[in-house]
Amino acid sequence: MKKSAPKKKPLFVVGIRGQLMLFIGTMTLLTLVLVWGVITYALVPQYNRNIRNKLESKAAAIVAMIDTCDVPISNRDFGILVLNNDFWQNVNDTFNQKIINVDGCCVDFSDSTLRCLKAYESMYPCLLHESTGAFGGDFVYNVNTPLVIQMRQKLFEKGSLYEIARAGTSQQMLVGVLSADGQYGVIVSASLAQIATAAEVMRSILGPLALVLLVLDLIVALLFSRWFTRPIQRLSAGARQIAAGNYDVQISVVHRDEIGQLAADFNHMAAEVKRSAQLEKDILANVSHDLRTPLTLIKGYAETVRDLTDPGSEKHTEQCNIIVDETDRLSALVNSVMELSKVQNGSEKPNLIDFDMGELCFEVAGRYDALCDQNGWQLKLEADQAAPVRADPAMMERVLHNLLGNAFHHIGADGVVALRVLPLNEGCRVEVEDHGPGIPPEDLPYIFDRYYRARQDAGKTGTGLGLSITKAILQQHGFAFGVDSAVGKGSTFWFIMHDTRTQPNP
C-alpha cells in the first residue's frame, strides 16, 4: 500500500499576539491612508461645495432684495449714475445687522453696462477690487478692474456665474446671479486660500504623525496581546495536562468576559472528563464483575454436571437450572449494554406516532399482576383520563418497564408501587412512585448515570443500566425527566410528554 507523504509544517506561523499586532498595525495604516485620501481628494472639494452653497444663498438673497424693490435701484442720466438711496440704505442695514452676513466676502453690484454700482468689501486682499492705501489711512478700491469686468460680462452673457479666480497663491470663489429683469448683476466672492493652506499643512504633518502612531500602536498591541493571550496560554497548558492524564486541572477564572467564560467552560469540561474517566473505570470494574460471576458459576456447575452429578438426580436438575439462570443473567447484561449503545449513538431512531399514554400504562401494568400476586405486592394504576401524546410507544414501554422494575427492586414495607398519568395543558406527566428507602441527596445528580448505584444498592443484583437507557430514550424524545426522593420515604421518578398538538413531526 502506498504511503501518503507526510504533511510539511509551515515555515512561518503567526501566533495570536502576532495576529493582533498585525491587525492593529494594518488598521492604523488603513486609517492614515483614509485620512490622507480625505485630505487630498475630499476635503478641498467638499469645502468648495460648502462655500459655493453659502455664496449662492447670499447672492440669491441679495438679488431678491433687488427684485422686490418697487423702483429701479439706479439709473444713468446722460451717463451720470444716479442711485436709489433708500434701497442702498436698506442694503447697508441688512449687511450691518447680519440679516445677510457678508463678513469675509466681497459683494459687487453692476448693471448691464458692466460698470460697478456699489462694492462692499470685507476681505483683503480681493482679486476683483484692487485696493491701495497707506498705513493708518483708508483703503481705496478699484471697482472696475479688468478681472471684475470680465466676470460681469460672463454673468450677463450666461445668466449665472461660478468661477475660481487665481493669482499667485491666492484663490477666490465667485458666484454671480442676475436680477429677474436681467438689468442688474450681483457677484459674491470669498477667499479659498485658507483651506488650501490647511490641507497642505495637514499633508505635511501626516507622514511623521503616521510613523509615531504606528510605533505607539505596535507597543500597545504588544502589551495588550501579552495580556490577552495569557489566559489562552493557561488554557492550552491545562489542555496538555488533561491529555497527559491529569484530570484535576482547574483554571483560575480572572476575567468576566468571553475568555473568562471559556475558562469556566474548560473547568466544567475537566470536571466532566474526570467524572467520565472515573465512570469508565467503574464501568469496567462493574462489567468485569458482572460478567465474571455468571461465567464462573456457569463454568463451575457445568464441570460439576459433567464430572460428578448423576444425570437423573434432583441435584443435577438444580445445577442445570443455575446454569440456565446465570446464562439468562449474562444475556440480559449483554442485551442491556447493546440496547444502551444503540439508543445513545442514535442508530435506533424513535418512530413517533399518536397514541394514548393512559392505555399504554394500563397494558404495561397488567403484565405485573402475576409478580404482585406472587409476592403480595400491589401496583396502583392512576390513569383515568385520556392522555394523547406523540412518541415511540415501544420505547415508552421500555421506559415504563425500567422504572417499574426499579420501583419493585426498591419496594417499601407496604409493598405498594404507584403508576400515575397526570394530564397537563400540553401533554401529560407520568410518575412511578415507591415507598422504599429513598435516595440520598448526594446520589440524586448521578442516579441516571451508567452503572451508578447508590450506597444502599451496593451488592444488589441487576445490570445497572435500566435508568441509563431510560435517560437516553427520554432525551431522544426531548422529554423532561427527573426524580424526587426523600430518605426513608421513597422515590418518585417522573417524565413529561408532549401531546399531539404541540409535538412537531420529525
Protein backbone atom coordinates (compact mmCIF):
# COMPACT_ATOMS: atom_id res chain seq x y z
CA MET A 1 0.00 0.00 0.00
CA LYS A 2 1.37 3.34 -1.00
CA LYS A 3 2.06 5.63 1.93
CA SER A 4 0.99 9.21 1.71
CA ALA A 5 3.71 11.80 2.03
CA PRO A 6 3.82 13.48 5.43
CA LYS A 7 2.47 16.99 5.59
CA LYS A 8 5.12 19.67 5.70
CA LYS A 9 4.99 22.06 8.60
CA PRO A 10 4.71 25.72 7.61
CA LEU A 11 7.97 27.59 7.84
CA PHE A 12 6.39 30.62 9.45
CA VAL A 13 3.43 30.57 11.83
CA VAL A 14 1.92 33.79 13.17
CA GLY A 15 0.54 33.40 16.69
CA ILE A 16 -2.34 35.29 18.23
CA ARG A 17 -0.03 38.01 19.55
CA GLY A 18 1.45 38.47 16.09
CA GLN A 19 -2.00 38.49 14.55
CA LEU A 20 -3.21 41.15 16.99
CA MET A 21 -0.17 43.32 16.32
CA LEU A 22 -0.57 42.82 12.58
CA PHE A 23 -4.27 43.66 12.80
CA ILE A 24 -3.78 46.83 14.85
CA GLY A 25 -0.87 47.96 12.67
CA THR A 26 -2.86 47.32 9.50
CA MET A 27 -5.88 49.20 10.85
CA THR A 28 -3.66 52.13 11.79
CA LEU A 29 -2.14 52.28 8.32
CA LEU A 30 -5.55 51.97 6.66
CA THR A 31 -6.89 54.75 8.87
CA LEU A 32 -3.98 57.02 7.99
CA VAL A 33 -4.34 56.25 4.28
CA LEU A 34 -8.04 57.04 4.56
CA VAL A 35 -7.28 60.35 6.30
CA TRP A 36 -4.70 61.20 3.61
CA GLY A 37 -7.22 60.38 0.89
CA VAL A 38 -9.87 62.52 2.54
CA ILE A 39 -7.48 65.45 2.88
CA THR A 40 -6.19 65.08 -0.68
CA TYR A 41 -9.32 64.25 -2.62
CA ALA A 42 -12.34 65.09 -0.48
CA LEU A 43 -11.52 67.93 1.90
CA VAL A 44 -10.99 70.72 -0.65
CA PRO A 45 -13.89 69.72 -2.96
CA GLN A 46 -16.27 69.38 -0.02
CA TYR A 47 -15.11 72.72 1.40
CA ASN A 48 -15.60 74.33 -2.02
CA ARG A 49 -19.11 72.89 -2.28
CA ASN A 50 -20.00 74.31 1.12
CA ILE A 51 -18.56 77.74 0.23
CA ARG A 52 -20.40 77.72 -3.12
CA ASN A 53 -23.72 76.85 -1.46
CA LYS A 54 -23.29 79.67 1.03
CA LEU A 55 -22.29 82.19 -1.63
CA GLU A 56 -25.21 81.17 -3.86
CA SER A 57 -27.58 81.55 -0.93
CA LYS A 58 -26.25 85.03 -0.15
CA ALA A 59 -26.32 86.12 -3.81
CA ALA A 60 -29.90 84.87 -4.21
CA ALA A 61 -30.99 86.75 -1.07
CA ILE A 62 -29.39 89.97 -2.30
CA VAL A 63 -30.93 89.65 -5.79
CA ALA A 64 -34.30 89.03 -4.10
CA MET A 65 -33.97 92.47 -2.49
CA ILE A 66 -33.44 93.98 -5.97
CA ASP A 67 -36.42 92.10 -7.43
CA THR A 68 -38.75 93.19 -4.62
CA CYS A 69 -37.81 96.85 -4.91
CA ASP A 70 -40.69 98.84 -6.44
CA VAL A 71 -38.44 101.39 -8.20
CA PRO A 72 -35.15 100.90 -10.07
CA ILE A 73 -32.16 100.79 -7.78
CA SER A 74 -30.20 103.05 -10.17
CA ASN A 75 -30.35 104.86 -13.48
CA ARG A 76 -27.96 106.71 -15.68
CA ASP A 77 -28.92 110.26 -16.62
CA PHE A 78 -26.80 111.24 -19.64
CA GLY A 79 -24.13 108.80 -18.45
CA ILE A 80 -24.25 110.02 -14.89
CA LEU A 81 -25.05 107.31 -12.34
CA VAL A 82 -27.97 108.09 -10.02
CA LEU A 83 -28.60 105.64 -7.14
CA ASN A 84 -31.79 104.89 -5.23
CA ASN A 85 -30.59 105.95 -1.79
CA ASP A 86 -33.43 104.25 0.07
CA PHE A 87 -32.60 100.89 -1.49
CA TRP A 88 -28.89 101.18 -0.81
CA GLN A 89 -29.54 102.29 2.77
CA ASN A 90 -31.65 99.17 3.19
CA VAL A 91 -28.76 97.08 1.80
CA ASN A 92 -26.34 98.70 4.25
CA ASP A 93 -28.67 98.00 7.16
CA THR A 94 -29.18 94.39 6.04
CA PHE A 95 -25.42 93.76 5.86
CA ASN A 96 -24.63 95.60 9.12
CA GLN A 97 -27.36 93.76 11.04
CA LYS A 98 -26.09 90.42 9.67
CA ILE A 99 -29.50 89.65 8.18
CA ILE A 100 -27.38 88.71 5.18
CA ASN A 101 -23.96 88.01 6.60
CA VAL A 102 -21.27 89.09 4.14
CA ASP A 103 -18.35 89.08 6.61
CA GLY A 104 -15.23 87.84 4.84
CA CYS A 105 -16.91 88.34 1.46
CA CYS A 106 -16.81 90.74 -1.44
CA VAL A 107 -20.13 91.86 -2.96
CA ASP A 108 -20.11 93.55 -6.38
CA PHE A 109 -23.23 95.23 -7.82
CA SER A 110 -23.24 96.07 -11.55
CA ASP A 111 -25.69 96.93 -14.30
CA SER A 112 -25.90 95.87 -17.91
CA THR A 113 -23.22 98.43 -18.85
CA LEU A 114 -20.76 96.20 -16.92
CA ARG A 115 -19.92 99.14 -14.66
CA CYS A 116 -20.00 98.97 -10.88
CA LEU A 117 -22.93 100.37 -8.94
CA LYS A 118 -21.67 99.53 -5.47
CA ALA A 119 -18.98 97.31 -3.96
CA TYR A 120 -18.87 96.03 -0.38
CA GLU A 121 -15.53 94.72 0.79
CA SER A 122 -14.78 92.82 3.98
CA MET A 123 -11.97 90.71 2.53
CA TYR A 124 -8.34 91.61 1.96
CA PRO A 125 -6.75 91.14 -0.43
CA CYS A 126 -9.54 90.96 -3.00
CA LEU A 127 -8.68 89.84 -6.52
CA LEU A 128 -11.73 91.61 -8.02
CA HIS A 129 -11.29 95.06 -6.48
CA GLU A 130 -7.69 96.20 -6.23
CA SER A 131 -7.02 98.24 -3.10
CA THR A 132 -4.47 100.92 -2.35
CA GLY A 133 -3.85 102.80 0.85
CA ALA A 134 -1.27 103.98 3.35
CA PHE A 135 -0.66 102.79 6.87
CA GLY A 136 -3.33 104.29 9.13
CA GLY A 137 -5.35 105.61 6.18
CA ASP A 138 -8.40 104.38 4.32
CA PHE A 139 -8.21 101.77 1.60
CA VAL A 140 -9.24 102.89 -1.86
CA TYR A 141 -10.61 100.18 -4.17
CA ASN A 142 -10.55 99.98 -7.94
CA VAL A 143 -14.05 98.59 -8.55
CA ASN A 144 -13.67 98.28 -12.33
CA THR A 145 -10.58 96.12 -12.75
CA PRO A 146 -10.21 94.06 -15.94
CA LEU A 147 -10.90 90.87 -13.98
CA VAL A 148 -14.16 92.04 -12.46
CA ILE A 149 -15.34 93.46 -15.82
CA GLN A 150 -14.58 90.07 -17.41
CA MET A 151 -16.59 88.29 -14.67
CA ARG A 152 -19.53 90.72 -15.11
CA GLN A 153 -19.51 90.05 -18.83
CA LYS A 154 -19.70 86.27 -18.25
CA LEU A 155 -22.52 86.81 -15.79
CA PHE A 156 -24.66 88.84 -18.15
CA GLU A 157 -23.92 86.53 -21.07
CA LYS A 158 -24.67 83.24 -19.28
CA GLY A 159 -27.21 84.45 -16.71
CA SER A 160 -25.18 82.98 -13.81
CA LEU A 161 -21.58 82.75 -12.75
CA TYR A 162 -19.36 80.25 -10.96
CA GLU A 163 -15.61 80.78 -11.20
CA ILE A 164 -12.47 80.34 -9.11
CA ALA A 165 -10.05 83.18 -9.71
CA ARG A 166 -6.36 82.60 -9.02
CA ALA A 167 -3.45 84.99 -8.63
CA GLY A 168 -0.25 83.50 -7.25
CA THR A 169 -1.13 81.59 -4.10
CA SER A 170 -4.45 83.43 -3.70
CA GLN A 171 -7.72 81.80 -4.74
CA GLN A 172 -11.14 83.38 -4.71
CA MET A 173 -14.53 81.76 -5.47
CA LEU A 174 -17.00 83.89 -7.41
CA VAL A 175 -20.75 83.28 -7.60
CA GLY A 176 -22.95 85.59 -9.69
CA VAL A 177 -26.74 85.93 -10.08
CA LEU A 178 -28.79 88.25 -12.34
CA SER A 179 -31.92 90.08 -11.30
CA ALA A 180 -35.25 88.92 -12.69
CA ASP A 181 -35.31 91.63 -15.37
CA GLY A 182 -31.68 90.95 -16.32
CA GLN A 183 -30.68 94.58 -15.71
CA TYR A 184 -28.55 94.05 -12.60
CA GLY A 185 -25.93 91.52 -11.57
CA VAL A 186 -24.59 90.59 -8.14
CA ILE A 187 -21.25 88.81 -7.68
CA VAL A 188 -20.42 87.46 -4.21
CA SER A 189 -16.92 86.09 -3.64
CA ALA A 190 -14.85 84.58 -0.81
CA SER A 191 -11.22 83.54 -0.37
CA LEU A 192 -10.17 79.88 -0.67
CA ALA A 193 -6.56 80.32 0.35
CA GLN A 194 -7.13 79.15 3.94
CA ILE A 195 -8.43 75.69 3.13
CA ALA A 196 -5.70 75.06 0.58
CA THR A 197 -3.06 76.08 3.10
CA ALA A 198 -4.66 73.96 5.80
CA ALA A 199 -4.72 70.91 3.51
CA GLU A 200 -1.04 71.37 2.68
CA VAL A 201 -0.15 71.68 6.37
CA MET A 202 -2.14 68.56 7.25
CA ARG A 203 -0.49 66.57 4.47
CA SER A 204 2.94 67.72 5.58
CA ILE A 205 2.48 66.53 9.18
CA LEU A 206 0.64 63.32 8.25
CA GLY A 207 3.85 61.39 7.46
CA PRO A 208 5.60 61.93 10.84
CA LEU A 209 2.28 61.52 12.62
CA ALA A 210 1.73 58.19 10.87
CA LEU A 211 5.14 56.92 11.99
CA VAL A 212 4.55 57.97 15.61
CA LEU A 213 1.06 56.44 15.67
CA LEU A 214 2.29 53.19 14.13
CA VAL A 215 5.07 52.82 16.71
CA LEU A 216 2.70 53.61 19.60
CA ASP A 217 0.08 51.21 18.26
CA LEU A 218 2.61 48.40 17.94
CA ILE A 219 3.79 48.97 21.51
CA VAL A 220 0.21 49.00 22.79
CA ALA A 221 -0.59 45.93 20.68
CA LEU A 222 2.40 44.11 22.13
CA LEU A 223 1.32 44.84 25.71
CA PHE A 224 -2.34 44.12 25.00
CA SER A 225 -1.60 40.87 23.16
CA ARG A 226 0.52 39.65 26.08
CA TRP A 227 -2.34 40.40 28.49
CA PHE A 228 -4.90 38.93 26.08
CA THR A 229 -3.08 35.67 25.34
CA ARG A 230 -2.01 34.87 28.91
CA PRO A 231 -5.32 33.15 29.84
CA ILE A 232 -5.29 31.33 26.48
CA GLN A 233 -1.81 30.04 27.24
CA ARG A 234 -3.07 28.80 30.62
CA LEU A 235 -5.94 27.04 28.88
CA SER A 236 -3.50 25.46 26.44
CA ALA A 237 -1.30 24.24 29.29
CA GLY A 238 -4.35 22.83 31.06
CA ALA A 239 -5.45 21.01 27.91
CA ARG A 240 -2.00 19.42 27.60
CA GLN A 241 -2.20 18.25 31.23
CA ILE A 242 -5.60 16.68 30.60
CA ALA A 243 -4.21 14.97 27.50
CA ALA A 244 -1.40 13.61 29.70
CA GLY A 245 -3.96 12.12 32.11
CA ASN A 246 -4.11 14.77 34.85
CA TYR A 247 -7.85 15.38 35.23
CA ASP A 248 -7.53 17.56 38.35
CA VAL A 249 -6.64 20.66 36.30
CA GLN A 250 -8.61 23.82 37.12
CA ILE A 251 -8.01 27.21 35.50
CA SER A 252 -8.48 30.31 37.64
CA VAL A 253 -11.30 32.47 36.25
CA VAL A 254 -10.00 36.05 36.42
CA HIS A 255 -11.84 37.76 33.59
CA ARG A 256 -15.58 38.17 33.33
CA ASP A 257 -15.65 38.23 29.53
CA GLU A 258 -15.69 35.57 26.80
CA ILE A 259 -12.22 34.37 27.86
CA GLY A 260 -13.46 34.01 31.44
CA GLN A 261 -16.50 32.09 30.20
CA LEU A 262 -14.17 29.86 28.19
CA ALA A 263 -12.09 29.20 31.32
CA ALA A 264 -15.24 28.34 33.28
CA ASP A 265 -16.37 26.01 30.49
CA PHE A 266 -12.90 24.44 30.46
CA ASN A 267 -13.11 23.79 34.20
CA HIS A 268 -16.55 22.24 33.73
CA MET A 269 -15.20 20.11 30.89
CA ALA A 270 -12.24 18.99 33.02
CA ALA A 271 -14.59 18.00 35.82
CA GLU A 272 -16.82 16.10 33.41
CA VAL A 273 -13.81 14.37 31.82
CA LYS A 274 -12.61 13.38 35.28
CA ARG A 275 -16.04 12.06 36.16
CA SER A 276 -16.30 10.24 32.83
CA ALA A 277 -12.89 8.69 33.32
CA GLN A 278 -13.87 7.55 36.79
CA LEU A 279 -17.18 6.30 35.43
CA GLU A 280 -15.32 4.40 32.73
CA LYS A 281 -13.21 2.72 35.39
CA ASP A 282 -16.34 1.89 37.37
CA ILE A 283 -18.00 0.53 34.24
CA LEU A 284 -15.03 -1.71 33.51
CA ALA A 285 -14.97 -2.88 37.11
CA ASN A 286 -18.72 -3.49 37.26
CA VAL A 287 -18.90 -5.16 33.86
CA SER A 288 -15.90 -7.30 34.71
CA HIS A 289 -17.51 -8.28 37.99
CA ASP A 290 -20.96 -8.81 36.45
CA LEU A 291 -19.50 -10.94 33.69
CA ARG A 292 -17.04 -12.82 35.86
CA THR A 293 -19.64 -14.01 38.39
CA PRO A 294 -22.07 -15.71 35.96
CA LEU A 295 -19.24 -17.08 33.85
CA THR A 296 -17.57 -18.58 36.92
CA LEU A 297 -20.83 -20.12 38.06
CA ILE A 298 -21.62 -21.43 34.60
CA LYS A 299 -18.20 -22.98 34.29
CA GLY A 300 -18.22 -24.47 37.80
CA TYR A 301 -21.66 -26.01 37.59
CA ALA A 302 -21.05 -27.23 34.07
CA GLU A 303 -17.91 -29.03 35.25
CA THR A 304 -19.80 -30.48 38.20
CA VAL A 305 -22.62 -31.70 35.98
CA ARG A 306 -20.10 -33.15 33.58
CA ASP A 307 -17.94 -34.94 36.10
CA LEU A 308 -19.90 -35.68 39.25
CA THR A 309 -23.65 -35.29 39.24
CA ASP A 310 -25.92 -38.19 38.40
CA PRO A 311 -27.87 -37.15 35.27
CA GLY A 312 -31.15 -38.33 36.72
CA SER A 313 -30.88 -36.79 40.18
CA GLU A 314 -32.63 -33.74 41.60
CA LYS A 315 -29.29 -32.07 42.19
CA HIS A 316 -28.48 -32.44 38.52
CA THR A 317 -31.66 -30.57 37.61
CA GLU A 318 -30.93 -27.82 40.17
CA GLN A 319 -27.43 -27.30 38.85
CA CYS A 320 -28.69 -27.17 35.28
CA ASN A 321 -31.26 -24.54 36.33
CA ILE A 322 -28.47 -22.48 37.89
CA ILE A 323 -26.54 -22.66 34.64
CA VAL A 324 -29.62 -21.52 32.71
CA ASP A 325 -30.34 -18.66 35.17
CA GLU A 326 -26.78 -17.40 35.06
CA THR A 327 -26.78 -17.63 31.28
CA ASP A 328 -30.00 -15.59 31.19
CA ARG A 329 -28.44 -13.08 33.54
CA LEU A 330 -25.39 -12.80 31.31
CA SER A 331 -27.59 -12.42 28.22
CA ALA A 332 -29.64 -9.71 29.95
CA LEU A 333 -26.46 -7.79 30.76
CA VAL A 334 -25.19 -8.04 27.20
CA ASN A 335 -28.59 -7.07 25.82
CA SER A 336 -28.77 -4.04 28.15
CA VAL A 337 -25.33 -2.89 27.08
CA MET A 338 -26.26 -3.27 23.41
CA GLU A 339 -29.58 -1.52 23.91
CA LEU A 340 -27.96 1.43 25.66
CA SER A 341 -25.32 1.68 22.94
CA LYS A 342 -27.95 1.71 20.16
CA VAL A 343 -30.06 4.36 21.86
CA GLN A 344 -27.11 6.60 22.74
CA ASN A 345 -25.35 6.51 19.38
CA GLY A 346 -28.61 7.24 17.52
CA SER A 347 -28.71 4.02 15.47
CA GLU A 348 -32.19 3.34 16.88
CA LYS A 349 -34.44 6.26 15.96
CA PRO A 350 -37.83 6.80 17.65
CA ASN A 351 -40.86 6.08 15.47
CA LEU A 352 -43.23 8.86 16.53
CA ILE A 353 -46.95 8.11 16.37
CA ASP A 354 -50.04 9.39 18.16
CA PHE A 355 -51.40 7.22 20.97
CA ASP A 356 -52.98 7.36 24.44
CA MET A 357 -50.36 7.11 27.17
CA GLY A 358 -53.04 6.04 29.66
CA GLU A 359 -53.85 2.97 27.59
CA LEU A 360 -50.17 2.03 27.28
CA CYS A 361 -49.74 2.30 31.06
CA PHE A 362 -52.80 0.09 31.53
CA GLU A 363 -51.31 -2.58 29.25
CA VAL A 364 -47.89 -2.47 30.93
CA ALA A 365 -49.36 -2.55 34.44
CA GLY A 366 -51.30 -5.71 33.57
CA ARG A 367 -48.06 -7.59 32.98
CA TYR A 368 -47.10 -7.18 36.63
CA ASP A 369 -50.21 -8.88 38.03
CA ALA A 370 -48.51 -12.24 38.37
CA LEU A 371 -45.45 -10.71 40.05
CA CYS A 372 -47.62 -8.80 42.51
CA ASP A 373 -49.76 -11.87 43.31
CA GLN A 374 -46.67 -13.99 43.84
CA ASN A 375 -45.04 -11.56 46.28
CA GLY A 376 -48.10 -9.99 47.87
CA TRP A 377 -47.39 -6.59 46.33
CA GLN A 378 -49.79 -4.01 44.90
CA LEU A 379 -49.41 -1.89 41.77
CA LYS A 380 -51.77 1.10 41.88
CA LEU A 381 -52.63 2.46 38.43
CA GLU A 382 -53.98 6.03 38.27
CA ALA A 383 -54.79 6.70 34.60
CA ASP A 384 -58.46 7.63 34.47
CA GLN A 385 -58.28 10.38 31.83
CA ALA A 386 -57.18 10.28 28.21
CA ALA A 387 -53.61 11.44 27.64
CA PRO A 388 -52.92 11.92 23.90
CA VAL A 389 -49.20 12.02 23.18
CA ARG A 390 -46.80 11.72 20.25
CA ALA A 391 -43.87 9.38 20.85
CA ASP A 392 -42.49 5.90 20.10
CA PRO A 393 -44.77 3.53 22.05
CA ALA A 394 -42.21 0.69 22.03
CA MET A 395 -39.58 2.96 23.59
CA MET A 396 -42.07 4.35 26.09
CA GLU A 397 -42.96 0.77 27.05
CA ARG A 398 -39.27 0.13 27.77
CA VAL A 399 -39.15 3.28 29.89
CA LEU A 400 -42.15 2.11 31.92
CA HIS A 401 -40.69 -1.37 32.41
CA ASN A 402 -37.36 0.09 33.53
CA LEU A 403 -38.98 2.47 36.01
CA LEU A 404 -41.40 -0.14 37.35
CA GLY A 405 -38.62 -2.71 37.63
CA ASN A 406 -36.54 -0.20 39.56
CA ALA A 407 -39.52 0.61 41.81
CA PHE A 408 -40.21 -3.06 42.60
CA HIS A 409 -36.49 -3.50 43.21
CA HIS A 410 -36.74 -0.83 45.96
CA ILE A 411 -40.28 -1.54 47.12
CA GLY A 412 -41.09 -0.48 50.67
CA ALA A 413 -42.50 -2.43 53.59
CA ASP A 414 -46.06 -1.65 52.49
CA GLY A 415 -45.48 -3.45 49.19
CA VAL A 416 -47.07 -0.63 47.16
CA VAL A 417 -45.89 0.87 43.84
CA ALA A 418 -47.93 3.59 42.10
CA LEU A 419 -48.07 4.35 38.35
CA ARG A 420 -49.77 7.68 37.53
CA VAL A 421 -50.67 9.51 34.34
CA LEU A 422 -51.48 13.16 35.10
CA PRO A 423 -52.92 15.15 32.14
CA LEU A 424 -51.39 18.61 31.59
CA ASN A 425 -52.29 21.51 29.31
CA GLU A 426 -49.58 20.46 26.86
CA GLY A 427 -49.31 16.71 27.37
CA CYS A 428 -49.09 14.53 30.46
CA ARG A 429 -46.83 13.77 33.40
CA VAL A 430 -46.05 10.12 34.13
CA GLU A 431 -44.93 9.15 37.65
CA VAL A 432 -43.67 5.88 39.14
CA GLU A 433 -43.63 6.02 42.95
CA ASP A 434 -42.25 3.59 45.50
CA HIS A 435 -42.14 3.77 49.30
CA GLY A 436 -38.69 2.29 49.66
CA PRO A 437 -35.53 3.59 51.36
CA GLY A 438 -35.24 6.65 49.10
CA ILE A 439 -32.14 8.17 47.54
CA PRO A 440 -29.61 10.30 49.48
CA PRO A 441 -29.31 13.90 48.18
CA GLU A 442 -25.67 13.39 47.21
CA ASP A 443 -26.67 10.49 44.92
CA LEU A 444 -29.57 12.22 43.12
CA PRO A 445 -27.49 14.04 40.43
CA TYR A 446 -25.93 10.74 39.29
CA ILE A 447 -28.83 8.31 39.61
CA PHE A 448 -29.35 8.15 35.81
CA ASP A 449 -25.66 7.51 35.03
CA ARG A 450 -24.46 4.18 33.69
CA TYR A 451 -23.66 1.61 36.36
CA TYR A 452 -24.17 4.20 39.10
CA ARG A 453 -25.62 2.75 42.24
CA ALA A 454 -26.48 4.47 45.45
CA ARG A 455 -24.77 3.28 48.60
CA GLN A 456 -27.77 1.30 49.78
CA ASP A 457 -27.81 -0.57 46.43
CA ALA A 458 -24.28 -1.90 46.75
CA GLY A 459 -24.24 -5.66 46.28
CA LYS A 460 -27.74 -5.92 44.79
CA THR A 461 -28.30 -7.81 41.57
CA GLY A 462 -29.04 -6.02 38.32
CA THR A 463 -27.22 -4.64 35.32
CA GLY A 464 -27.24 -1.02 36.50
CA LEU A 465 -28.25 0.16 33.01
CA GLY A 466 -32.04 0.49 33.28
CA LEU A 467 -32.11 4.15 34.31
CA SER A 468 -29.36 4.99 31.81
CA ILE A 469 -31.46 3.51 29.00
CA THR A 470 -34.48 5.42 30.28
CA LYS A 471 -32.48 8.67 30.27
CA ALA A 472 -31.24 8.09 26.70
CA ILE A 473 -34.76 7.34 25.39
CA LEU A 474 -36.31 10.39 27.06
CA GLN A 475 -33.51 12.62 25.80
CA GLN A 476 -34.07 11.33 22.25
CA HIS A 477 -37.73 12.36 22.52
CA GLY A 478 -36.88 15.71 24.11
CA PHE A 479 -38.95 14.94 27.23
CA ALA A 480 -38.13 16.46 30.62
CA PHE A 481 -37.48 13.91 33.36
CA GLY A 482 -36.19 13.65 36.91
CA VAL A 483 -36.62 12.09 40.33
CA ASP A 484 -37.94 13.37 43.64
CA SER A 485 -36.81 11.44 46.68
CA ALA A 486 -36.54 11.61 50.44
CA VAL A 487 -34.52 9.18 52.54
CA GLY A 488 -36.82 6.76 54.35
CA LYS A 489 -39.93 7.84 52.44
CA GLY A 490 -39.36 6.57 48.92
CA SER A 491 -38.79 7.97 45.43
CA THR A 492 -40.90 9.26 42.54
CA PHE A 493 -39.43 9.02 39.05
CA TRP A 494 -41.25 11.23 36.54
CA PHE A 495 -41.18 12.43 32.95
CA ILE A 496 -43.32 14.87 30.96
CA MET A 497 -44.56 14.04 27.45
CA HIS A 498 -45.88 16.36 24.72
CA ASP A 499 -49.35 15.94 23.29
CA THR A 500 -50.25 15.63 19.60
CA ARG A 501 -50.95 19.36 19.29
CA THR A 502 -47.53 20.59 20.45
CA GLN A 503 -45.14 17.89 19.26
CA PRO A 504 -43.97 18.62 15.67
CA ASN A 505 -43.46 15.93 13.08
CA PRO A 506 -39.86 14.69 12.83
